[in-house]
Amino acid sequence: MTPQELAEACARQMWSDDCASQQMGMEITHIAPGEATLQMTLTERMTNGHGNAHGGFLFTLADSAFAFACNSYNQVTVAQHCTITYIAPGMLGDRLTATAQEVSRRGRSGIYDIRITREDGTVIAEFRGHSRSLGKAMLPNDNAAG
C-alpha cells in the first residue's frame, strides 16, 4: 500500500466507528499522511445563548480533523493534550472547514495544527493537538499489506 492508500484505509476504518463525527454531520473532504480536512454545517442545536457556535462544537470539529490526521499512519493514536483559541464567532448555517496539518511526528509523539475557517475564508479558531501513539496497528494485517 502507498502512504496515501494507507491514510485512506485508516480513515475508512476510523469513520466506520466514529458516531460523534457522523452524528454531527461532519464530512471528510481530504485525507493524506499527516493531513485531514473535515467540514460541518452549524445547526441550531450547535448554537449557544448568544446565537453563536458553541465552542464545544468547534472544538469537536477540530478534534475530529486532528484524529484523522494523526491516525493516518496505521498506528492507533490518541490525543495527549489539546488547546483551542477562538478568534471569531461561527454563526448558524455557517459551513465550517477544519484543516489539520502535521507539524512534527517523532517516535510515538506528534504535534498537529488545525485551523477552522468559514466559507469566506475567515479564520474562526486555531487548535493545536499533541498526539501519542499507543504502539498498535489500526488495520488488520491483510488490509495494511502492500
Protein backbone atom coordinates (compact mmCIF):
# COMPACT_ATOMS: atom_id res chain seq x y z
CA MET A 1 0.00 0.00 0.00
CA THR A 2 1.23 3.51 -0.74
CA PRO A 3 1.26 6.04 2.12
CA GLN A 4 -1.80 7.71 0.55
CA GLU A 5 -3.69 4.41 0.26
CA LEU A 6 -2.79 3.61 3.86
CA ALA A 7 -4.07 7.00 5.05
CA GLU A 8 -7.34 6.46 3.15
CA ALA A 9 -7.76 2.92 4.56
CA CYS A 10 -7.15 4.20 8.10
CA ALA A 11 -9.72 6.97 7.59
CA ARG A 12 -12.32 4.47 6.35
CA GLN A 13 -11.67 2.23 9.36
CA MET A 14 -11.96 5.10 11.85
CA TRP A 15 -15.00 6.65 10.15
CA SER A 16 -16.93 3.37 10.33
CA ASP A 17 -17.00 3.62 14.14
CA ASP A 18 -16.95 7.42 14.61
CA CYS A 19 -20.52 8.03 15.74
CA ALA A 20 -19.78 11.51 17.14
CA SER A 21 -18.42 12.96 13.90
CA GLN A 22 -21.10 11.27 11.81
CA GLN A 23 -23.98 12.39 14.02
CA MET A 24 -22.72 15.98 13.97
CA GLY A 25 -22.93 15.91 10.18
CA MET A 26 -19.18 16.06 9.55
CA GLU A 27 -17.71 15.03 6.22
CA ILE A 28 -14.12 14.11 5.41
CA THR A 29 -13.13 16.10 2.33
CA HIS A 30 -9.38 15.37 2.30
CA ILE A 31 -7.10 12.78 3.81
CA ALA A 32 -3.37 12.24 3.32
CA PRO A 33 -0.49 11.15 5.54
CA GLY A 34 -0.49 13.61 8.46
CA GLU A 35 -3.33 15.68 6.98
CA ALA A 36 -7.11 15.78 7.14
CA THR A 37 -9.86 18.21 6.24
CA LEU A 38 -13.36 17.89 7.65
CA GLN A 39 -16.41 20.07 7.09
CA MET A 40 -19.56 20.64 9.10
CA THR A 41 -22.56 22.98 8.88
CA LEU A 42 -23.56 24.76 12.09
CA THR A 43 -27.10 23.81 13.04
CA GLU A 44 -29.43 25.38 15.59
CA ARG A 45 -28.52 22.64 18.10
CA MET A 46 -24.89 23.82 17.92
CA THR A 47 -25.56 27.42 18.95
CA ASN A 48 -25.12 28.93 22.41
CA GLY A 49 -27.09 31.54 24.36
CA HIS A 50 -25.61 34.33 22.21
CA GLY A 51 -26.73 32.69 18.95
CA ASN A 52 -23.12 31.84 18.03
CA ALA A 53 -21.48 28.47 17.58
CA HIS A 54 -20.97 26.79 20.94
CA GLY A 55 -17.23 26.43 21.50
CA GLY A 56 -17.56 22.75 22.32
CA PHE A 57 -18.81 22.00 18.82
CA LEU A 58 -15.94 23.95 17.27
CA PHE A 59 -13.51 22.03 19.48
CA THR A 60 -15.10 18.75 18.40
CA LEU A 61 -14.76 19.59 14.71
CA ALA A 62 -11.08 20.47 15.16
CA ASP A 63 -10.51 17.41 17.34
CA SER A 64 -12.01 15.14 14.69
CA ALA A 65 -9.75 16.59 11.98
CA PHE A 66 -6.81 16.13 14.37
CA ALA A 67 -7.79 12.50 14.96
CA PHE A 68 -7.97 11.64 11.27
CA ALA A 69 -4.64 13.34 10.56
CA CYS A 70 -2.69 11.68 13.37
CA ASN A 71 -4.23 8.25 12.74
CA SER A 72 -3.23 8.20 9.07
CA TYR A 73 -0.15 6.01 9.60
CA ASN A 74 -1.84 2.78 10.76
CA GLN A 75 -0.95 3.40 14.38
CA VAL A 76 -3.73 3.77 16.96
CA THR A 77 -3.09 7.32 18.15
CA VAL A 78 -4.90 9.38 20.77
CA ALA A 79 -4.89 12.97 21.95
CA GLN A 80 -2.45 13.73 24.73
CA HIS A 81 -3.08 17.48 25.01
CA CYS A 82 -5.16 19.97 23.01
CA THR A 83 -5.74 23.72 23.10
CA ILE A 84 -8.00 25.96 21.09
CA THR A 85 -8.12 29.71 20.59
CA TYR A 86 -11.44 31.17 19.42
CA ILE A 87 -10.87 34.09 17.06
CA ALA A 88 -14.26 34.93 15.54
CA PRO A 89 -17.78 33.59 16.10
CA GLY A 90 -19.35 30.91 13.98
CA MET A 91 -22.94 31.60 13.06
CA LEU A 92 -25.99 29.43 12.45
CA GLY A 93 -25.79 28.00 8.92
CA ASP A 94 -22.03 28.54 8.51
CA ARG A 95 -20.25 25.79 6.60
CA LEU A 96 -17.03 25.29 8.57
CA THR A 97 -13.82 23.65 7.42
CA ALA A 98 -11.23 22.22 9.82
CA THR A 99 -7.86 21.67 8.15
CA ALA A 100 -5.34 19.58 10.09
CA GLN A 101 -1.63 19.63 9.26
CA GLU A 102 1.15 17.69 10.91
CA VAL A 103 3.84 19.89 12.43
CA SER A 104 6.05 17.21 13.95
CA ARG A 105 5.99 13.42 14.37
CA ARG A 106 8.82 11.68 16.20
CA GLY A 107 8.70 8.34 17.92
CA ARG A 108 5.27 7.95 19.45
CA SER A 109 4.53 11.70 19.75
CA GLY A 110 3.13 14.19 17.26
CA ILE A 111 2.02 17.81 17.04
CA TYR A 112 -0.78 18.96 14.72
CA ASP A 113 -2.20 22.38 13.92
CA ILE A 114 -5.85 22.66 12.94
CA ARG A 115 -7.42 25.81 11.53
CA ILE A 116 -11.19 26.27 11.37
CA THR A 117 -12.49 28.63 8.70
CA ARG A 118 -15.84 29.79 7.37
CA GLU A 119 -16.67 29.54 3.67
CA ASP A 120 -15.49 33.12 3.10
CA GLY A 121 -12.04 32.19 4.45
CA THR A 122 -12.46 33.89 7.83
CA VAL A 123 -10.45 32.04 10.47
CA ILE A 124 -12.65 31.42 13.49
CA ALA A 125 -10.40 29.14 15.58
CA GLU A 126 -6.88 27.75 15.86
CA PHE A 127 -6.34 24.40 17.56
CA ARG A 128 -3.12 22.60 18.45
CA GLY A 129 -3.14 18.92 19.31
CA HIS A 130 -0.41 16.75 20.78
CA SER A 131 -0.78 13.08 19.95
CA ARG A 132 0.56 9.86 21.38
CA SER A 133 0.67 6.54 19.54
CA LEU A 134 -0.39 3.52 21.57
CA GLY A 135 2.03 1.28 19.65
CA LYS A 136 -0.51 -0.94 17.91
CA ALA A 137 -1.79 -1.14 14.35
CA MET A 138 -5.22 0.17 13.45
CA LEU A 139 -5.82 -2.04 10.42
CA PRO A 140 -5.88 -5.83 10.34
CA ASN A 141 -2.71 -7.17 8.71
CA ASP A 142 -4.45 -8.15 5.47
CA ASN A 143 -5.71 -4.55 4.94
CA ALA A 144 -2.33 -2.93 5.55
CA ALA A 145 -0.20 -5.23 3.42
CA GLY A 146 1.40 -3.65 0.42
